C-alpha atoms as a PDB file:
ATOM      1  CA  MET A   1     126.142  99.241  77.169  1.00  0.00           C
ATOM      2  CA  LEU A   2     124.101  96.597  78.970  1.00  0.00           C
ATOM      3  CA  ASP A   3     125.615  93.222  79.766  1.00  0.00           C
ATOM      4  CA  THR A   4     123.723  90.046  78.854  1.00  0.00           C
ATOM      5  CA  ASP A   5     121.685  89.853  82.082  1.00  0.00           C
ATOM      6  CA  GLU A   6     120.697  93.518  82.385  1.00  0.00           C
ATOM      7  CA  PRO A   7     117.983  93.639  79.683  1.00  0.00           C
ATOM      8  CA  ALA A   8     116.138  90.738  81.332  1.00  0.00           C
ATOM      9  CA  ASP A   9     116.366  92.513  84.705  1.00  0.00           C
ATOM     10  CA  ALA A  10     115.076  95.729  83.156  1.00  0.00           C
ATOM     11  CA  LEU A  11     112.090  93.945  81.633  1.00  0.00           C
ATOM     12  CA  ALA A  12     111.291  92.260  84.937  1.00  0.00           C
ATOM     13  CA  PHE A  13     111.339  95.648  86.703  1.00  0.00           C
ATOM     14  CA  ALA A  14     109.151  97.163  83.978  1.00  0.00           C
ATOM     15  CA  ASP A  15     106.620  94.353  84.379  1.00  0.00           C
ATOM     16  CA  LEU A  16     106.544  94.860  88.168  1.00  0.00           C
ATOM     17  CA  ALA A  17     106.158  98.634  87.750  1.00  0.00           C
ATOM     18  CA  THR A  18     103.241  98.093  85.361  1.00  0.00           C
ATOM     19  CA  LEU A  19     101.500  95.813  87.880  1.00  0.00           C
ATOM     20  CA  LEU A  20     101.962  98.440  90.595  1.00  0.00           C
ATOM     21  CA  LEU A  21     100.606 101.183  88.343  1.00  0.00           C
ATOM     22  CA  LEU A  22      97.570  99.052  87.566  1.00  0.00           C
ATOM     23  CA  ASP A  23      97.149  98.454  91.332  1.00  0.00           C
ATOM     24  CA  VAL A  24      97.212  94.678  90.833  1.00  0.00           C
ATOM     25  CA  PRO A  25      97.732  92.506  93.945  1.00  0.00           C
ATOM     26  CA  ILE A  26     101.082  90.795  93.568  1.00  0.00           C
ATOM     27  CA  GLU A  27     102.850  87.865  95.290  1.00  0.00           C
ATOM     28  CA  GLU A  28     106.268  88.146  96.917  1.00  0.00           C
ATOM     29  CA  THR A  29     107.712  86.813  93.668  1.00  0.00           C
ATOM     30  CA  GLY A  30     106.285  89.802  91.808  1.00  0.00           C
ATOM     31  CA  ALA A  31     103.703  87.727  89.906  1.00  0.00           C
ATOM     32  CA  PRO A  32     100.080  88.777  89.879  1.00  0.00           C
ATOM     33  CA  ILE A  33      97.961  86.908  92.419  1.00  0.00           C
ATOM     34  CA  GLY A  34      95.709  84.461  90.587  1.00  0.00           C
ATOM     35  CA  GLY A  35      97.910  84.091  87.531  1.00  0.00           C
ATOM     36  CA  PRO A  36      98.402  86.147  84.394  1.00  0.00           C
ATOM     37  CA  LEU A  37      96.116  89.075  83.828  1.00  0.00           C
ATOM     38  CA  PRO A  38      93.670  89.086  80.909  1.00  0.00           C
ATOM     39  CA  ASP A  39      94.614  91.550  78.212  1.00  0.00           C
ATOM     40  CA  ARG A  40      92.546  94.598  79.160  1.00  0.00           C
ATOM     41  CA  GLY A  41      94.644  97.080  77.262  1.00  0.00           C
ATOM     42  CA  PHE A  42      95.830 100.397  78.579  1.00  0.00           C
ATOM     43  CA  GLU A  43      93.144 102.716  77.240  1.00  0.00           C
ATOM     44  CA  ASN A  44      91.844 103.568  80.762  1.00  0.00           C
ATOM     45  CA  LEU A  45      95.164 103.799  82.566  1.00  0.00           C
ATOM     46  CA  GLY A  46      95.359 107.585  82.137  1.00  0.00           C
ATOM     47  CA  ALA A  47      91.848 108.022  83.481  1.00  0.00           C
ATOM     48  CA  TYR A  48      92.653 105.989  86.591  1.00  0.00           C
ATOM     49  CA  ARG A  49      95.805 108.005  87.197  1.00  0.00           C
ATOM     50  CA  ALA A  50      93.938 111.296  86.734  1.00  0.00           C
ATOM     51  CA  GLU A  51      91.301 110.275  89.267  1.00  0.00           C
ATOM     52  CA  ILE A  52      94.011 109.211  91.774  1.00  0.00           C
ATOM     53  CA  ASP A  53      95.693 112.599  91.281  1.00  0.00           C
ATOM     54  CA  GLN A  54      92.371 114.374  91.733  1.00  0.00           C
ATOM     55  CA  ALA A  55      91.676 112.429  94.962  1.00  0.00           C
ATOM     56  CA  THR A  56      95.166 113.273  96.232  1.00  0.00           C
ATOM     57  CA  GLY A  57      94.475 116.934  95.515  1.00  0.00           C
ATOM     58  CA  ILE A  58      91.144 116.810  97.368  1.00  0.00           C
ATOM     59  CA  LEU A  59      92.896 115.217 100.351  1.00  0.00           C
ATOM     60  CA  THR A  60      95.494 117.991 100.482  1.00  0.00           C
ATOM     61  CA  VAL A  61      92.628 120.399 101.185  1.00  0.00           C
ATOM     62  CA  GLN A  62      90.664 118.129 103.517  1.00  0.00           C
ATOM     63  CA  LEU A  63      93.753 117.206 105.583  1.00  0.00           C
ATOM     64  CA  GLY A  64      95.749 120.411 105.221  1.00  0.00           C
ATOM     65  CA  VAL A  65      98.849 118.479 104.122  1.00  0.00           C
ATOM     66  CA  GLY A  66     101.145 118.302 101.083  1.00  0.00           C
ATOM     67  CA  THR A  67     100.554 116.004  98.149  1.00  0.00           C
ATOM     68  CA  ASP A  68     103.053 113.366  99.342  1.00  0.00           C
ATOM     69  CA  GLU A  69     101.321 113.019 102.715  1.00  0.00           C
ATOM     70  CA  ALA A  70      97.875 113.036 101.075  1.00  0.00           C
ATOM     71  CA  PHE A  71      98.865 110.201  98.737  1.00  0.00           C
ATOM     72  CA  VAL A  72     100.324 108.216 101.656  1.00  0.00           C
ATOM     73  CA  ARG A  73      97.044 108.640 103.553  1.00  0.00           C
ATOM     74  CA  LEU A  74      95.055 107.533 100.474  1.00  0.00           C
ATOM     75  CA  ARG A  75      97.227 104.392 100.065  1.00  0.00           C
ATOM     76  CA  ALA A  76      97.099 103.619 103.767  1.00  0.00           C
ATOM     77  CA  TYR A  77      93.296 103.774 103.787  1.00  0.00           C
ATOM     78  CA  THR A  78      93.217 101.609 100.665  1.00  0.00           C
ATOM     79  CA  CYS A  79      95.422  98.964 102.289  1.00  0.00           C
ATOM     80  CA  LEU A  80      93.503  98.973 105.596  1.00  0.00           C
ATOM     81  CA  GLN A  81      90.191  98.557 103.814  1.00  0.00           C
ATOM     82  CA  GLY A  82      91.507  95.927 101.395  1.00  0.00           C
ATOM     83  CA  ARG A  83      90.246  97.930  98.443  1.00  0.00           C
ATOM     84  CA  ARG A  84      91.731  98.996  95.160  1.00  0.00           C
ATOM     85  CA  LEU A  85      93.323 102.415  94.912  1.00  0.00           C
ATOM     86  CA  ALA A  86      91.171 103.374  91.863  1.00  0.00           C
ATOM     87  CA  GLY A  87      87.964 102.573  93.773  1.00  0.00           C
ATOM     88  CA  VAL A  88      88.894 104.634  96.832  1.00  0.00           C
ATOM     89  CA  ALA A  89      90.017 107.511  94.641  1.00  0.00           C
ATOM     90  CA  ALA A  90      86.682 107.414  92.847  1.00  0.00           C
ATOM     91  CA  ASP A  91      84.852 107.585  96.183  1.00  0.00           C
ATOM     92  CA  VAL A  92      86.901 110.597  97.263  1.00  0.00           C
ATOM     93  CA  VAL A  93      86.366 112.411  93.942  1.00  0.00           C
ATOM     94  CA  ASP A  94      82.630 111.621  93.969  1.00  0.00           C
ATOM     95  CA  HIS A  95      82.381 112.866  97.606  1.00  0.00           C
ATOM     96  CA  ARG A  96      81.344 109.480  98.955  1.00  0.00           C
ATOM     97  CA  LEU A  97      84.402 109.394 101.212  1.00  0.00           C
ATOM     98  CA  ARG A  98      85.761 112.297 103.203  1.00  0.00           C
ATOM     99  CA  PHE A  99      89.015 112.424 105.171  1.00  0.00           C
ATOM    100  CA  SER A 100      89.486 114.517 108.326  1.00  0.00           C
ATOM    101  CA  PRO A 101      92.771 115.454 109.981  1.00  0.00           C
ATOM    102  CA  ASP A 102      91.321 114.607 113.391  1.00  0.00           C
ATOM    103  CA  ALA A 103      89.302 111.423 112.702  1.00  0.00           C
ATOM    104  CA  GLU A 104      89.029 108.307 110.647  1.00  0.00           C
ATOM    105  CA  PRO A 105      87.803 108.779 107.036  1.00  0.00           C
ATOM    106  CA  GLU A 106      84.017 109.122 106.962  1.00  0.00           C
ATOM    107  CA  ARG A 107      81.675 107.581 104.366  1.00  0.00           C
ATOM    108  CA  THR A 108      78.623 109.445 103.270  1.00  0.00           C
ATOM    109  CA  ASP A 109      75.185 107.884 102.747  1.00  0.00           C
ATOM    110  CA  GLU A 110      75.808 107.876  98.995  1.00  0.00           C
ATOM    111  CA  GLU A 111      78.639 105.292  99.204  1.00  0.00           C
ATOM    112  CA  THR A 112      77.702 101.818  97.945  1.00  0.00           C
END
């Protein structure tokens, strides 16, 4: 049984988790930066996740590491570049961005 405050807490955590899954910049309070998000639906959420998983898999080969380390490297690059995770994953999958175990990630001429 949940007490009277726990359902509200659970909904707040679910909202925050959704924002993180959508790779939305959030404030310290947990609110999206720039106010509420427009209703874009969730029809493409699975496609974004699949591309992120594909990019992680590609990085396991390029870097010779496990999936956890590959995902950490993908997120770190995303943060350093100030880009969205879905965009960087798309660049990796489309071979516009290549990671190397010995050097900084390298962009190809095709990257825009």
